[in-house]
Amino acid sequence: MHENKKPIANPMVVLREEFDDWALLFDPDANDIFAVDPVSVFIWKRLDGRHTAEDILMELREDCDDAPGDALNHINEFIGELEKSGLAGYEVKQARTDGAA
């Protein structure tokens, strides 16, 4: 897994919030739509390259009184599913080619 990495949502994917805090993620490249529940929306909104899965868990526990003990596993699984679908990923640092460190 990507420990201490900060996932980033694919900027091409559109989040369309629906009623009761459910939402749709639309991937125009694949022409696919994914339905996501309120907790997944909460996670998606934090995939900005500044939050680790642990950061998201801390915010979730602050926001929700009844977050399950295995919430971090669920967060990581959701991020992993997004990554496999091309909806999220991780910043890749490229090596410099000019000899500088």
N, C-alpha and C. Protein backbone atom coordinates (compact mmCIF):
# COMPACT_ATOMS: atom_id res chain seq x y z
N MET A 1 0.85 -1.18 0.00
CA MET A 1 0.00 0.00 0.00
C MET A 1 0.89 1.23 0.00
N HIS A 2 0.31 2.36 -0.15
CA HIS A 2 1.03 3.62 -0.29
C HIS A 2 1.08 4.35 1.05
N GLU A 3 1.83 3.81 2.00
CA GLU A 3 1.92 4.42 3.32
C GLU A 3 2.48 5.82 3.22
N ASN A 4 1.88 6.74 3.96
CA ASN A 4 2.29 8.14 4.04
C ASN A 4 2.21 8.86 2.71
N LYS A 5 1.61 8.25 1.72
CA LYS A 5 1.41 8.92 0.44
C LYS A 5 0.10 9.68 0.50
N LYS A 6 0.00 10.69 -0.34
CA LYS A 6 -1.18 11.55 -0.35
C LYS A 6 -1.88 11.41 -1.69
N PRO A 7 -2.99 10.65 -1.70
CA PRO A 7 -3.69 10.40 -2.96
C PRO A 7 -4.30 11.67 -3.54
N ILE A 8 -4.42 11.67 -4.87
CA ILE A 8 -4.96 12.80 -5.59
C ILE A 8 -6.07 12.30 -6.51
N ALA A 9 -7.22 12.97 -6.46
CA ALA A 9 -8.32 12.64 -7.36
C ALA A 9 -7.94 13.02 -8.78
N ASN A 10 -8.34 12.22 -9.73
CA ASN A 10 -8.14 12.54 -11.14
C ASN A 10 -8.90 13.82 -11.44
N PRO A 11 -8.22 14.89 -11.87
CA PRO A 11 -8.90 16.17 -12.08
C PRO A 11 -9.93 16.14 -13.22
N MET A 12 -9.90 15.13 -14.06
CA MET A 12 -10.88 15.02 -15.14
C MET A 12 -12.21 14.45 -14.66
N VAL A 13 -12.20 13.80 -13.50
CA VAL A 13 -13.41 13.17 -12.97
C VAL A 13 -14.28 14.22 -12.30
N VAL A 14 -15.56 14.17 -12.62
CA VAL A 14 -16.52 15.15 -12.11
C VAL A 14 -17.33 14.51 -10.98
N LEU A 15 -17.41 15.23 -9.86
CA LEU A 15 -18.25 14.81 -8.74
C LEU A 15 -19.57 15.55 -8.87
N ARG A 16 -20.65 14.81 -8.96
CA ARG A 16 -21.98 15.42 -9.00
C ARG A 16 -22.74 14.96 -7.77
N GLU A 17 -22.94 15.88 -6.85
CA GLU A 17 -23.63 15.53 -5.61
C GLU A 17 -25.13 15.47 -5.85
N GLU A 18 -25.73 14.42 -5.33
CA GLU A 18 -27.15 14.19 -5.49
C GLU A 18 -27.84 14.39 -4.14
N PHE A 19 -29.03 13.89 -4.02
CA PHE A 19 -29.78 14.01 -2.79
C PHE A 19 -29.23 13.11 -1.69
N ASP A 20 -29.49 13.46 -0.44
CA ASP A 20 -29.08 12.67 0.72
C ASP A 20 -27.58 12.42 0.78
N ASP A 21 -26.78 13.34 0.26
CA ASP A 21 -25.32 13.29 0.30
C ASP A 21 -24.71 12.17 -0.54
N TRP A 22 -25.49 11.47 -1.33
CA TRP A 22 -24.94 10.51 -2.28
C TRP A 22 -24.43 11.30 -3.47
N ALA A 23 -23.61 10.69 -4.29
CA ALA A 23 -23.05 11.41 -5.43
C ALA A 23 -22.72 10.45 -6.56
N LEU A 24 -22.40 11.05 -7.68
CA LEU A 24 -21.94 10.30 -8.84
C LEU A 24 -20.57 10.83 -9.23
N LEU A 25 -19.68 9.92 -9.56
CA LEU A 25 -18.38 10.28 -10.12
C LEU A 25 -18.46 9.95 -11.61
N PHE A 26 -18.21 10.94 -12.45
CA PHE A 26 -18.25 10.73 -13.89
C PHE A 26 -16.85 10.84 -14.45
N ASP A 27 -16.42 9.78 -15.11
CA ASP A 27 -15.11 9.74 -15.76
C ASP A 27 -15.33 9.93 -17.26
N PRO A 28 -15.09 11.14 -17.77
CA PRO A 28 -15.35 11.39 -19.19
C PRO A 28 -14.43 10.61 -20.12
N ASP A 29 -13.22 10.27 -19.67
CA ASP A 29 -12.31 9.50 -20.52
C ASP A 29 -12.85 8.10 -20.80
N ALA A 30 -13.41 7.48 -19.78
CA ALA A 30 -13.94 6.12 -19.92
C ALA A 30 -15.45 6.11 -20.17
N ASN A 31 -16.07 7.30 -20.06
CA ASN A 31 -17.51 7.44 -20.19
C ASN A 31 -18.23 6.54 -19.19
N ASP A 32 -17.70 6.48 -17.95
CA ASP A 32 -18.26 5.67 -16.87
C ASP A 32 -18.79 6.56 -15.76
N ILE A 33 -19.81 6.05 -15.07
CA ILE A 33 -20.38 6.74 -13.91
C ILE A 33 -20.34 5.77 -12.74
N PHE A 34 -19.91 6.28 -11.59
CA PHE A 34 -19.81 5.48 -10.37
C PHE A 34 -20.64 6.15 -9.28
N ALA A 35 -21.54 5.41 -8.66
CA ALA A 35 -22.33 5.94 -7.54
C ALA A 35 -21.50 5.79 -6.27
N VAL A 36 -21.48 6.83 -5.45
CA VAL A 36 -20.72 6.78 -4.20
C VAL A 36 -21.60 7.25 -3.04
N ASP A 37 -21.40 6.61 -1.90
CA ASP A 37 -22.18 6.93 -0.70
C ASP A 37 -21.58 8.15 0.01
N PRO A 38 -22.26 8.65 1.05
CA PRO A 38 -21.79 9.86 1.72
C PRO A 38 -20.37 9.77 2.29
N VAL A 39 -19.97 8.62 2.83
CA VAL A 39 -18.62 8.49 3.36
C VAL A 39 -17.60 8.54 2.23
N SER A 40 -17.93 7.92 1.11
CA SER A 40 -17.03 7.96 -0.04
C SER A 40 -16.89 9.38 -0.58
N VAL A 41 -17.97 10.16 -0.54
CA VAL A 41 -17.92 11.57 -0.95
C VAL A 41 -16.98 12.32 -0.01
N PHE A 42 -17.09 12.05 1.28
CA PHE A 42 -16.23 12.68 2.29
C PHE A 42 -14.76 12.40 1.95
N ILE A 43 -14.46 11.14 1.64
CA ILE A 43 -13.08 10.75 1.30
C ILE A 43 -12.66 11.42 -0.01
N TRP A 44 -13.51 11.35 -1.03
CA TRP A 44 -13.18 11.91 -2.34
C TRP A 44 -12.79 13.38 -2.23
N LYS A 45 -13.51 14.13 -1.43
CA LYS A 45 -13.25 15.56 -1.30
C LYS A 45 -11.91 15.85 -0.64
N ARG A 46 -11.28 14.85 -0.06
CA ARG A 46 -9.99 15.04 0.59
C ARG A 46 -8.83 14.45 -0.22
N LEU A 47 -9.12 14.00 -1.41
CA LEU A 47 -8.07 13.46 -2.28
C LEU A 47 -7.46 14.62 -3.08
N ASP A 48 -6.75 15.46 -2.36
CA ASP A 48 -6.21 16.70 -2.93
C ASP A 48 -4.70 16.75 -2.94
N GLY A 49 -4.07 15.61 -2.60
CA GLY A 49 -2.61 15.59 -2.56
C GLY A 49 -2.03 16.15 -1.28
N ARG A 50 -2.89 16.51 -0.34
CA ARG A 50 -2.42 17.05 0.94
C ARG A 50 -2.79 16.16 2.13
N HIS A 51 -3.64 15.16 1.90
CA HIS A 51 -4.12 14.28 2.96
C HIS A 51 -3.66 12.84 2.73
N THR A 52 -3.12 12.23 3.77
CA THR A 52 -2.87 10.79 3.74
C THR A 52 -4.17 10.09 4.13
N ALA A 53 -4.21 8.78 3.98
CA ALA A 53 -5.39 8.03 4.43
C ALA A 53 -5.58 8.22 5.94
N GLU A 54 -4.49 8.32 6.67
CA GLU A 54 -4.58 8.53 8.12
C GLU A 54 -5.16 9.90 8.44
N ASP A 55 -4.79 10.93 7.65
CA ASP A 55 -5.36 12.26 7.84
C ASP A 55 -6.87 12.23 7.60
N ILE A 56 -7.27 11.52 6.55
CA ILE A 56 -8.69 11.41 6.24
C ILE A 56 -9.43 10.71 7.36
N LEU A 57 -8.82 9.66 7.92
CA LEU A 57 -9.42 8.95 9.05
C LEU A 57 -9.61 9.89 10.23
N MET A 58 -8.61 10.69 10.55
CA MET A 58 -8.73 11.62 11.68
C MET A 58 -9.88 12.59 11.46
N GLU A 59 -10.01 13.13 10.26
CA GLU A 59 -11.11 14.05 9.97
C GLU A 59 -12.45 13.33 10.00
N LEU A 60 -12.49 12.11 9.53
CA LEU A 60 -13.72 11.33 9.56
C LEU A 60 -14.16 11.09 11.00
N ARG A 61 -13.23 10.74 11.85
CA ARG A 61 -13.57 10.49 13.26
C ARG A 61 -14.02 11.77 13.96
N GLU A 62 -13.48 12.92 13.54
CA GLU A 62 -13.94 14.20 14.10
C GLU A 62 -15.35 14.51 13.64
N ASP A 63 -15.66 14.13 12.40
CA ASP A 63 -16.95 14.46 11.80
C ASP A 63 -18.04 13.45 12.14
N CYS A 64 -17.67 12.18 12.32
CA CYS A 64 -18.63 11.11 12.57
C CYS A 64 -18.33 10.44 13.90
N ASP A 65 -19.32 10.39 14.75
CA ASP A 65 -19.14 9.78 16.06
C ASP A 65 -19.05 8.26 16.01
N ASP A 66 -19.60 7.66 14.97
CA ASP A 66 -19.68 6.20 14.94
C ASP A 66 -18.80 5.57 13.85
N ALA A 67 -17.64 6.17 13.58
CA ALA A 67 -16.71 5.57 12.60
C ALA A 67 -16.23 4.23 13.14
N PRO A 68 -16.30 3.17 12.34
CA PRO A 68 -15.90 1.85 12.82
C PRO A 68 -14.40 1.77 13.09
N GLY A 69 -14.02 0.82 13.92
CA GLY A 69 -12.62 0.65 14.27
C GLY A 69 -11.74 0.31 13.08
N ASP A 70 -12.32 -0.32 12.06
CA ASP A 70 -11.54 -0.68 10.88
C ASP A 70 -11.73 0.32 9.73
N ALA A 71 -12.08 1.55 10.06
CA ALA A 71 -12.35 2.57 9.04
C ALA A 71 -11.14 2.81 8.14
N LEU A 72 -9.93 2.74 8.70
CA LEU A 72 -8.74 2.98 7.88
C LEU A 72 -8.63 1.93 6.77
N ASN A 73 -8.97 0.69 7.08
CA ASN A 73 -8.97 -0.36 6.04
C ASN A 73 -9.95 -0.02 4.93
N HIS A 74 -11.14 0.46 5.31
CA HIS A 74 -12.14 0.83 4.32
C HIS A 74 -11.68 2.01 3.47
N ILE A 75 -11.06 2.98 4.10
CA ILE A 75 -10.54 4.15 3.37
C ILE A 75 -9.49 3.69 2.36
N ASN A 76 -8.56 2.86 2.80
CA ASN A 76 -7.51 2.37 1.91
C ASN A 76 -8.09 1.52 0.77
N GLU A 77 -9.09 0.71 1.07
CA GLU A 77 -9.73 -0.10 0.03
C GLU A 77 -10.41 0.78 -1.00
N PHE A 78 -11.12 1.81 -0.53
CA PHE A 78 -11.80 2.72 -1.45
C PHE A 78 -10.79 3.45 -2.34
N ILE A 79 -9.72 3.96 -1.74
CA ILE A 79 -8.69 4.64 -2.51
C ILE A 79 -8.06 3.67 -3.51
N GLY A 80 -7.84 2.43 -3.09
CA GLY A 80 -7.29 1.41 -4.00
C GLY A 80 -8.21 1.14 -5.18
N GLU A 81 -9.52 1.07 -4.91
CA GLU A 81 -10.49 0.87 -6.00
C GLU A 81 -10.47 2.06 -6.96
N LEU A 82 -10.39 3.27 -6.41
CA LEU A 82 -10.32 4.47 -7.25
C LEU A 82 -9.07 4.44 -8.12
N GLU A 83 -7.97 4.02 -7.51
CA GLU A 83 -6.69 3.96 -8.23
C GLU A 83 -6.78 2.95 -9.39
N LYS A 84 -7.33 1.77 -9.12
CA LYS A 84 -7.46 0.75 -10.16
C LYS A 84 -8.35 1.22 -11.31
N SER A 85 -9.34 2.06 -10.99
CA SER A 85 -10.27 2.56 -12.01
C SER A 85 -9.75 3.81 -12.70
N GLY A 86 -8.60 4.31 -12.28
CA GLY A 86 -8.06 5.52 -12.89
C GLY A 86 -8.70 6.79 -12.39
N LEU A 87 -9.44 6.70 -11.28
CA LEU A 87 -10.13 7.87 -10.75
C LEU A 87 -9.28 8.64 -9.75
N ALA A 88 -8.22 8.03 -9.28
CA ALA A 88 -7.30 8.68 -8.33
C ALA A 88 -5.93 8.05 -8.50
N GLY A 89 -4.95 8.69 -7.93
CA GLY A 89 -3.60 8.17 -8.02
C GLY A 89 -2.70 8.90 -7.04
N TYR A 90 -1.42 8.84 -7.30
CA TYR A 90 -0.42 9.45 -6.43
C TYR A 90 0.54 10.26 -7.29
N GLU A 91 1.02 11.35 -6.73
CA GLU A 91 1.97 12.18 -7.45
C GLU A 91 3.25 11.38 -7.69
N VAL A 92 3.77 11.49 -8.87
CA VAL A 92 5.01 10.81 -9.21
C VAL A 92 6.08 11.88 -9.36
N LYS A 93 7.10 11.79 -8.53
CA LYS A 93 8.20 12.73 -8.61
C LYS A 93 9.17 12.23 -9.66
N GLN A 94 9.42 13.06 -10.64
CA GLN A 94 10.33 12.68 -11.70
C GLN A 94 11.76 13.07 -11.36
N ALA A 95 12.67 12.21 -11.71
CA ALA A 95 14.08 12.48 -11.50
C ALA A 95 14.50 13.62 -12.44
N ARG A 96 15.31 14.50 -11.93
CA ARG A 96 15.80 15.60 -12.76
C ARG A 96 16.88 15.08 -13.70
N THR A 97 16.88 15.60 -14.88
CA THR A 97 17.85 15.14 -15.88
C THR A 97 18.99 16.14 -16.08
N ASP A 98 18.96 17.25 -15.32
CA ASP A 98 20.00 18.26 -15.52
C ASP A 98 21.17 18.08 -14.56
N GLY A 99 21.21 16.97 -13.84
CA GLY A 99 22.30 16.69 -12.92
C GLY A 99 22.11 17.29 -11.54
N ALA A 100 21.09 18.11 -11.35
CA ALA A 100 20.84 18.70 -10.02
C ALA A 100 20.13 17.68 -9.16
N ALA A 101 20.30 17.82 -7.85
CA ALA A 101 19.66 16.88 -6.93
C ALA A 101 18.25 17.24 -6.64
